[in-house]
C-alpha atoms as a PDB file:
ATOM      1  CA  UNK A   1      85.180  66.213  46.618  1.00  0.00           C
ATOM      2  CA  UNK A   2      87.992  64.667  48.617  1.00  0.00           C
ATOM      3  CA  UNK A   3      90.169  67.689  47.859  1.00  0.00           C
ATOM      4  CA  UNK A   4      87.410  70.007  49.111  1.00  0.00           C
ATOM      5  CA  UNK A   5      87.104  67.990  52.338  1.00  0.00           C
ATOM      6  CA  UNK A   6      90.856  68.267  52.853  1.00  0.00           C
ATOM      7  CA  UNK A   7      90.686  72.042  52.391  1.00  0.00           C
ATOM      8  CA  UNK A   8      87.778  72.334  54.854  1.00  0.00           C
ATOM      9  CA  UNK A   9      89.569  70.148  57.404  1.00  0.00           C
ATOM     10  CA  UNK A  10      92.729  72.219  56.978  1.00  0.00           C
ATOM     11  CA  UNK A  11      90.753  75.418  57.608  1.00  0.00           C
ATOM     12  CA  UNK A  12      89.128  73.958  60.731  1.00  0.00           C
ATOM     13  CA  UNK A  13      92.507  72.733  61.974  1.00  0.00           C
ATOM     14  CA  UNK A  14      93.960  76.194  61.416  1.00  0.00           C
ATOM     15  CA  UNK A  15      91.155  77.757  63.517  1.00  0.00           C
ATOM     16  CA  UNK A  16      91.682  75.233  66.317  1.00  0.00           C
ATOM     17  CA  UNK A  17      95.439  75.859  66.336  1.00  0.00           C
ATOM     18  CA  UNK A  18      94.878  79.629  66.403  1.00  0.00           C
ATOM     19  CA  UNK A  19      92.476  79.354  69.342  1.00  0.00           C
ATOM     20  CA  UNK A  20      94.810  77.032  71.204  1.00  0.00           C
ATOM     21  CA  UNK A  21      97.744  79.376  70.616  1.00  0.00           C
ATOM     22  CA  UNK A  22      95.706  82.333  71.878  1.00  0.00           C
ATOM     23  CA  UNK A  23      94.680  80.418  74.990  1.00  0.00           C
ATOM     24  CA  UNK A  24      98.271  79.429  75.712  1.00  0.00           C
ATOM     25  CA  UNK A  25      99.440  82.994  75.203  1.00  0.00           C
ATOM     26  CA  UNK A  26      96.841  84.250  77.688  1.00  0.00           C
ATOM     27  CA  UNK A  27      97.668  81.517  80.191  1.00  0.00           C
ATOM     28  CA  UNK A  28     101.370  82.312  79.874  1.00  0.00           C
ATOM     29  CA  UNK A  29     100.940  86.035  80.557  1.00  0.00           C
ATOM     30  CA  UNK A  30     102.413  87.069  83.898  1.00  0.00           C
ATOM     31  CA  UNK A  31     101.703  90.387  85.563  1.00  0.00           C
ATOM     32  CA  UNK A  32     104.726  90.029  87.870  1.00  0.00           C
ATOM     33  CA  UNK A  33     107.319  91.695  85.579  1.00  0.00           C
ATOM     34  CA  UNK A  34     105.059  94.737  85.204  1.00  0.00           C
ATOM     35  CA  UNK A  35     104.482  95.484  88.906  1.00  0.00           C
ATOM     36  CA  UNK A  36     106.544  98.291  90.428  1.00  0.00           C
ATOM     37  CA  UNK A  37     107.758  97.049  93.797  1.00  0.00           C
ATOM     38  CA  UNK A  38     107.530  98.975  97.048  1.00  0.00           C
ATOM     39  CA  UNK A  39     110.717 100.959  97.513  1.00  0.00           C
ATOM     40  CA  UNK A  40     111.184 101.457  93.766  1.00  0.00           C
ATOM     41  CA  UNK A  41     110.829 104.897  92.218  1.00  0.00           C
ATOM     42  CA  UNK A  42     109.115 106.250  89.113  1.00  0.00           C
ATOM     43  CA  UNK A  43     110.601 109.419  87.669  1.00  0.00           C
ATOM     44  CA  UNK A  44     112.522 109.844  90.888  1.00  0.00           C
ATOM     45  CA  UNK A  45     109.445 109.629  93.122  1.00  0.00           C
ATOM     46  CA  UNK A  46     108.436 106.880  95.534  1.00  0.00           C
ATOM     47  CA  UNK A  47     104.974 105.328  95.432  1.00  0.00           C
ATOM     48  CA  UNK A  48     103.608 107.375  98.398  1.00  0.00           C
ATOM     49  CA  UNK A  49     104.074 110.486  96.271  1.00  0.00           C
ATOM     50  CA  UNK A  50     101.755 109.046  93.624  1.00  0.00           C
ATOM     51  CA  UNK A  51      99.102 108.099  96.194  1.00  0.00           C
ATOM     52  CA  UNK A  52      98.936 111.774  97.190  1.00  0.00           C
ATOM     53  CA  UNK A  53      99.012 112.856  93.540  1.00  0.00           C
ATOM     54  CA  UNK A  54      96.209 110.432  92.630  1.00  0.00           C
ATOM     55  CA  UNK A  55      93.867 112.146  95.094  1.00  0.00           C
ATOM     56  CA  UNK A  56      94.866 115.578  93.816  1.00  0.00           C
ATOM     57  CA  UNK A  57      94.076 114.340  90.305  1.00  0.00           C
ATOM     58  CA  UNK A  58      90.708 112.930  91.400  1.00  0.00           C
ATOM     59  CA  UNK A  59      89.781 116.206  93.140  1.00  0.00           C
ATOM     60  CA  UNK A  60      90.712 118.287  90.106  1.00  0.00           C
ATOM     61  CA  UNK A  61      88.041 116.889  87.749  1.00  0.00           C
ATOM     62  CA  UNK A  62      84.861 118.829  86.974  1.00  0.00           C
ATOM     63  CA  UNK A  63      81.808 116.911  88.193  1.00  0.00           C
ATOM     64  CA  UNK A  64      80.632 116.202  84.638  1.00  0.00           C
ATOM     65  CA  UNK A  65      83.999 114.635  83.785  1.00  0.00           C
ATOM     66  CA  UNK A  66      84.724 112.951  87.117  1.00  0.00           C
ATOM     67  CA  UNK A  67      86.496 109.642  86.362  1.00  0.00           C
ATOM     68  CA  UNK A  68      85.722 108.272  89.849  1.00  0.00           C
ATOM     69  CA  UNK A  69      81.956 108.679  89.474  1.00  0.00           C
ATOM     70  CA  UNK A  70      82.065 107.554  85.838  1.00  0.00           C
ATOM     71  CA  UNK A  71      80.434 104.146  85.312  1.00  0.00           C
ATOM     72  CA  UNK A  72      81.703 103.408  81.782  1.00  0.00           C
ATOM     73  CA  UNK A  73      85.262 104.700  81.480  1.00  0.00           C
ATOM     74  CA  UNK A  74      84.262 107.557  79.178  1.00  0.00           C
ATOM     75  CA  UNK A  75      86.076 109.999  81.488  1.00  0.00           C
ATOM     76  CA  UNK A  76      89.246 107.958  82.030  1.00  0.00           C
ATOM     77  CA  UNK A  77      91.325 110.509  80.117  1.00  0.00           C
ATOM     78  CA  UNK A  78      90.303 113.476  82.267  1.00  0.00           C
ATOM     79  CA  UNK A  79      93.265 115.634  83.347  1.00  0.00           C
ATOM     80  CA  UNK A  80      95.854 112.937  82.647  1.00  0.00           C
ATOM     81  CA  UNK A  81      99.387 114.289  82.418  1.00  0.00           C
ATOM     82  CA  UNK A  82     102.974 113.126  82.723  1.00  0.00           C
ATOM     83  CA  UNK A  83     104.451 109.636  82.691  1.00  0.00           C
ATOM     84  CA  UNK A  84     101.846 108.072  85.011  1.00  0.00           C
ATOM     85  CA  UNK A  85      98.244 107.378  83.987  1.00  0.00           C
ATOM     86  CA  UNK A  86      95.787 107.242  86.870  1.00  0.00           C
ATOM     87  CA  UNK A  87      92.884 104.780  86.870  1.00  0.00           C
ATOM     88  CA  UNK A  88      89.884 105.492  89.089  1.00  0.00           C
ATOM     89  CA  UNK A  89      88.336 103.268  91.689  1.00  0.00           C
ATOM     90  CA  UNK A  90      84.994 104.332  93.137  1.00  0.00           C
ATOM     91  CA  UNK A  91      83.699 106.421  96.012  1.00  0.00           C
ATOM     92  CA  UNK A  92      82.459 104.312  98.922  1.00  0.00           C
ATOM     93  CA  UNK A  93      81.251 100.823  98.054  1.00  0.00           C
ATOM     94  CA  UNK A  94      81.502 100.486  94.269  1.00  0.00           C
ATOM     95  CA  UNK A  95      81.031  97.774  91.667  1.00  0.00           C
ATOM     96  CA  UNK A  96      82.009  99.241  88.311  1.00  0.00           C
ATOM     97  CA  UNK A  97      83.170  97.934  84.916  1.00  0.00           C
ATOM     98  CA  UNK A  98      84.893 100.407  82.597  1.00  0.00           C
ATOM     99  CA  UNK A  99      86.750 100.545  79.288  1.00  0.00           C
ATOM    100  CA  UNK A 100      89.762 102.807  78.844  1.00  0.00           C
ATOM    101  CA  UNK A 101      92.424 103.511  76.236  1.00  0.00           C
ATOM    102  CA  UNK A 102      95.874 104.318  77.613  1.00  0.00           C
ATOM    103  CA  UNK A 103      98.743 105.586  75.443  1.00  0.00           C
ATOM    104  CA  UNK A 104     101.640 103.163  75.251  1.00  0.00           C
ATOM    105  CA  UNK A 105     104.636 104.106  77.390  1.00  0.00           C
ATOM    106  CA  UNK A 106     102.661 105.256  80.452  1.00  0.00           C
ATOM    107  CA  UNK A 107     102.897 103.750  83.904  1.00  0.00           C
ATOM    108  CA  UNK A 108      99.449 102.887  85.304  1.00  0.00           C
ATOM    109  CA  UNK A 109      98.613 103.634  88.936  1.00  0.00           C
ATOM    110  CA  UNK A 110      95.383 102.817  90.747  1.00  0.00           C
ATOM    111  CA  UNK A 111      93.932 102.347  94.241  1.00  0.00           C
ATOM    112  CA  UNK A 112      92.696  98.895  95.181  1.00  0.00           C
ATOM    113  CA  UNK A 113      91.095 100.323  98.324  1.00  0.00           C
ATOM    114  CA  UNK A 114      92.053 103.303 100.462  1.00  0.00           C
ATOM    115  CA  UNK A 115      90.943 106.052 102.819  1.00  0.00           C
ATOM    116  CA  UNK A 116      91.593 109.787 102.619  1.00  0.00           C
ATOM    117  CA  UNK A 117      91.140 112.118 105.583  1.00  0.00           C
ATOM    118  CA  UNK A 118      91.861 115.736 106.349  1.00  0.00           C
ATOM    119  CA  UNK A 119      92.386 117.896 109.416  1.00  0.00           C
ATOM    120  CA  UNK A 120      92.232 121.713 109.593  1.00  0.00           C
ATOM    121  CA  UNK A 121      95.714 123.176 109.397  1.00  0.00           C
ATOM    122  CA  UNK A 122      94.882 125.273 112.471  1.00  0.00           C
ATOM    123  CA  UNK A 123      95.342 122.147 114.613  1.00  0.00           C
ATOM    124  CA  UNK A 124      98.827 121.817 116.034  1.00  0.00           C
ATOM    125  CA  UNK A 125      98.907 118.110 115.108  1.00  0.00           C
ATOM    126  CA  UNK A 126      96.836 118.346 111.917  1.00  0.00           C
ATOM    127  CA  UNK A 127      99.050 116.124 109.762  1.00  0.00           C
ATOM    128  CA  UNK A 128      99.474 113.466 112.446  1.00  0.00           C
ATOM    129  CA  UNK A 129      95.705 113.432 112.977  1.00  0.00           C
ATOM    130  CA  UNK A 130      95.015 113.025 109.266  1.00  0.00           C
ATOM    131  CA  UNK A 131      97.508 110.157 108.985  1.00  0.00           C
ATOM    132  CA  UNK A 132      96.088 108.371 112.027  1.00  0.00           C
ATOM    133  CA  UNK A 133      92.498 108.650 110.786  1.00  0.00           C
ATOM    134  CA  UNK A 134      93.460 107.449 107.301  1.00  0.00           C
ATOM    135  CA  UNK A 135      95.074 104.330 108.755  1.00  0.00           C
ATOM    136  CA  UNK A 136      92.197 103.110 110.886  1.00  0.00           C
ATOM    137  CA  UNK A 137      90.478 100.740 108.443  1.00  0.00           C
ATOM    138  CA  UNK A 138      93.759  99.616 106.912  1.00  0.00           C
ATOM    139  CA  UNK A 139      94.963  98.358 110.286  1.00  0.00           C
ATOM    140  CA  UNK A 140      92.118  95.803 110.209  1.00  0.00           C
ATOM    141  CA  UNK A 141      91.943  92.707 108.048  1.00  0.00           C
ATOM    142  CA  UNK A 142      91.552  93.489 104.359  1.00  0.00           C
ATOM    143  CA  UNK A 143      90.739  91.129 101.480  1.00  0.00           C
ATOM    144  CA  UNK A 144      92.569  92.092  98.293  1.00  0.00           C
ATOM    145  CA  UNK A 145      92.810  90.560  94.838  1.00  0.00           C
ATOM    146  CA  UNK A 146      94.354  92.167  91.756  1.00  0.00           C
ATOM    147  CA  UNK A 147      94.661  90.458  88.371  1.00  0.00           C
ATOM    148  CA  UNK A 148      95.674  91.397  84.844  1.00  0.00           C
ATOM    149  CA  UNK A 149      94.641  88.991  82.096  1.00  0.00           C
ATOM    150  CA  UNK A 150      93.837  86.440  84.825  1.00  0.00           C
ATOM    151  CA  UNK A 151      97.397  86.661  86.173  1.00  0.00           C
ATOM    152  CA  UNK A 152      97.202  87.644  89.848  1.00  0.00           C
ATOM    153  CA  UNK A 153      99.498  90.080  91.598  1.00  0.00           C
ATOM    154  CA  UNK A 154     101.329  88.014  94.198  1.00  0.00           C
ATOM    155  CA  UNK A 155     100.438  88.985  97.769  1.00  0.00           C
ATOM    156  CA  UNK A 156      98.715  92.204  96.758  1.00  0.00           C
ATOM    157  CA  UNK A 157      98.142  92.961 100.442  1.00  0.00           C
ATOM    158  CA  UNK A 158     101.837  93.856 100.757  1.00  0.00           C
ATOM    159  CA  UNK A 159     101.293  96.978  98.643  1.00  0.00           C
ATOM    160  CA  UNK A 160     100.047  99.122 101.474  1.00  0.00           C
ATOM    161  CA  UNK A 161     101.013 102.734 100.869  1.00  0.00           C
ATOM    162  CA  UNK A 162     100.463 105.682 103.194  1.00  0.00           C
ATOM    163  CA  UNK A 163     101.213 109.369 102.821  1.00  0.00           C
ATOM    164  CA  UNK A 164     104.695 110.178 104.040  1.00  0.00           C
ATOM    165  CA  UNK A 165     103.884 113.881 103.875  1.00  0.00           C
ATOM    166  CA  UNK A 166     100.462 115.477 104.123  1.00  0.00           C
ATOM    167  CA  UNK A 167      99.206 117.289 101.047  1.00  0.00           C
ATOM    168  CA  UNK A 168      96.748 119.900  99.863  1.00  0.00           C
ATOM    169  CA  UNK A 169      93.933 117.982  98.200  1.00  0.00           C
ATOM    170  CA  UNK A 170      92.778 120.781  95.898  1.00  0.00           C
ATOM    171  CA  UNK A 171      96.183 121.981  94.737  1.00  0.00           C
ATOM    172  CA  UNK A 172      95.392 121.318  91.066  1.00  0.00           C
ATOM    173  CA  UNK A 173      92.341 123.591  91.145  1.00  0.00           C
ATOM    174  CA  UNK A 174      92.583 127.322  90.395  1.00  0.00           C
ATOM    175  CA  UNK A 175      93.079 129.304  93.594  1.00  0.00           C
ATOM    176  CA  UNK A 176      89.601 130.845  93.430  1.00  0.00           C
ATOM    177  CA  UNK A 177      87.990 127.370  93.371  1.00  0.00           C
ATOM    178  CA  UNK A 178      89.757 126.005  96.451  1.00  0.00           C
ATOM    179  CA  UNK A 179      88.021 125.819  99.848  1.00  0.00           C
ATOM    180  CA  UNK A 180      88.673 128.768 102.129  1.00  0.00           C
ATOM    181  CA  UNK A 181      89.674 126.507 105.022  1.00  0.00           C
ATOM    182  CA  UNK A 182      93.085 124.881 104.543  1.00  0.00           C
ATOM    183  CA  UNK A 183      93.331 121.174 105.364  1.00  0.00           C
ATOM    184  CA  UNK A 184      96.211 118.776 105.756  1.00  0.00           C
ATOM    185  CA  UNK A 185      95.182 115.634 103.871  1.00  0.00           C
ATOM    186  CA  UNK A 186      96.592 112.120 104.097  1.00  0.00           C
ATOM    187  CA  UNK A 187      95.753 108.797 102.486  1.00  0.00           C
ATOM    188  CA  UNK A 188      96.401 105.210 103.504  1.00  0.00           C
ATOM    189  CA  UNK A 189      95.510 102.063 101.614  1.00  0.00           C
ATOM    190  CA  UNK A 190      96.531  99.592  98.951  1.00  0.00           C
ATOM    191  CA  UNK A 191      97.780 100.750  95.562  1.00  0.00           C
ATOM    192  CA  UNK A 192      99.370  99.170  92.497  1.00  0.00           C
ATOM    193  CA  UNK A 193     101.745 100.779  90.007  1.00  0.00           C
ATOM    194  CA  UNK A 194     102.160  98.936  86.703  1.00  0.00           C
ATOM    195  CA  UNK A 195     105.096  99.501  84.414  1.00  0.00           C
ATOM    196  CA  UNK A 196     104.294 100.457  80.798  1.00  0.00           C
ATOM    197  CA  UNK A 197     102.534  97.567  79.085  1.00  0.00           C
ATOM    198  CA  UNK A 198     103.059  96.430  75.488  1.00  0.00           C
ATOM    199  CA  UNK A 199     100.408  97.579  73.033  1.00  0.00           C
ATOM    200  CA  UNK A 200      97.338  95.352  73.088  1.00  0.00           C
ATOM    201  CA  UNK A 201      94.196  94.423  74.994  1.00  0.00           C
ATOM    202  CA  UNK A 202      94.108  93.709  78.733  1.00  0.00           C
ATOM    203  CA  UNK A 203      91.507  92.915  81.358  1.00  0.00           C
ATOM    204  CA  UNK A 204      92.273  94.387  84.772  1.00  0.00           C
ATOM    205  CA  UNK A 205      90.352  93.556  87.943  1.00  0.00           C
ATOM    206  CA  UNK A 206      90.889  94.787  91.485  1.00  0.00           C
ATOM    207  CA  UNK A 207      88.751  93.803  94.434  1.00  0.00           C
ATOM    208  CA  UNK A 208      88.992  94.492  98.153  1.00  0.00           C
ATOM    209  CA  UNK A 209      86.940  95.073 101.258  1.00  0.00           C
ATOM    210  CA  UNK A 210      87.413  96.328 104.797  1.00  0.00           C
ATOM    211  CA  UNK A 211      86.165  94.436 107.856  1.00  0.00           C
ATOM    212  CA  UNK A 212      86.237  97.120 110.508  1.00  0.00           C
ATOM    213  CA  UNK A 213      82.680  97.071 111.868  1.00  0.00           C
ATOM    214  CA  UNK A 214      81.420 100.245 113.452  1.00  0.00           C
ATOM    215  CA  UNK A 215      83.917 102.584 111.778  1.00  0.00           C
ATOM    216  CA  UNK A 216      83.266 105.007 108.936  1.00  0.00           C
ATOM    217  CA  UNK A 217      83.633 103.069 105.665  1.00  0.00           C
ATOM    218  CA  UNK A 218      84.649 100.038 107.731  1.00  0.00           C
ATOM    219  CA  UNK A 219      82.539  97.755 105.533  1.00  0.00           C
ATOM    220  CA  UNK A 220      83.491  99.371 102.217  1.00  0.00           C
ATOM    221  CA  UNK A 221      83.792  97.125  99.156  1.00  0.00           C
ATOM    222  CA  UNK A 222      85.640  97.878  95.927  1.00  0.00           C
ATOM    223  CA  UNK A 223      85.014  95.666  92.890  1.00  0.00           C
ATOM    224  CA  UNK A 224      86.397  97.394  89.797  1.00  0.00           C
ATOM    225  CA  UNK A 225      87.297  96.079  86.356  1.00  0.00           C
ATOM    226  CA  UNK A 226      88.758  97.649  83.238  1.00  0.00           C
ATOM    227  CA  UNK A 227      88.994  96.499  79.660  1.00  0.00           C
ATOM    228  CA  UNK A 228      92.178  98.333  78.733  1.00  0.00           C
ATOM    229  CA  UNK A 229      93.529  99.123  75.303  1.00  0.00           C
ATOM    230  CA  UNK A 230      97.184 100.105  75.295  1.00  0.00           C
ATOM    231  CA  UNK A 231      97.421 102.177  72.137  1.00  0.00           C
ATOM    232  CA  UNK A 232     100.709 102.597  70.253  1.00  0.00           C
ATOM    233  CA  UNK A 233     102.008 106.131  70.608  1.00  0.00           C
END
């Protein structure tokens, strides 16, 4: 009987140690080494390039597979290509929780909060107009919080990214599906690029809101979370 009690106590102790080790491992995780800093490049491109490309990706999805309107993460793999995996936010004010599996070795890029605008190319200052309109809410105070496995991105508000060059929003669509009127598009907002993560499970959260009363989307809120699985290639 005493031997049985010892075995039971040993098993319980083993469980407690395992849980404690897991908790310490989670507490010790730091997102900092995985954040691509402003001014760095990915595949030879700066982060403003990927902000433009993210919107072109979002606009290329069929409505039934739209990852931005998706409420579960079922469409997170839509039209993904290349070294960077795009994660969706939401249109307008959004509170969404998703699950997504990302192949190991991919960078992960997502908008915390942002604005996109367009101006007809017939305007002489179309690109400048689009850039100015995209900046308007981002010039006001913005609350931002980004965390991965409870580890917060330090001063996430410093990751403001704006289009350096205007872009054609629908460039990834077949020519016959593009609007007849050509627009110069620009985006401005807050974006995070993560370096490839080790295989495993992660919980990502990004939250932000604008406080620009009286302007279009000036009170927009983003509250998005992902349960991510980084799958070995």
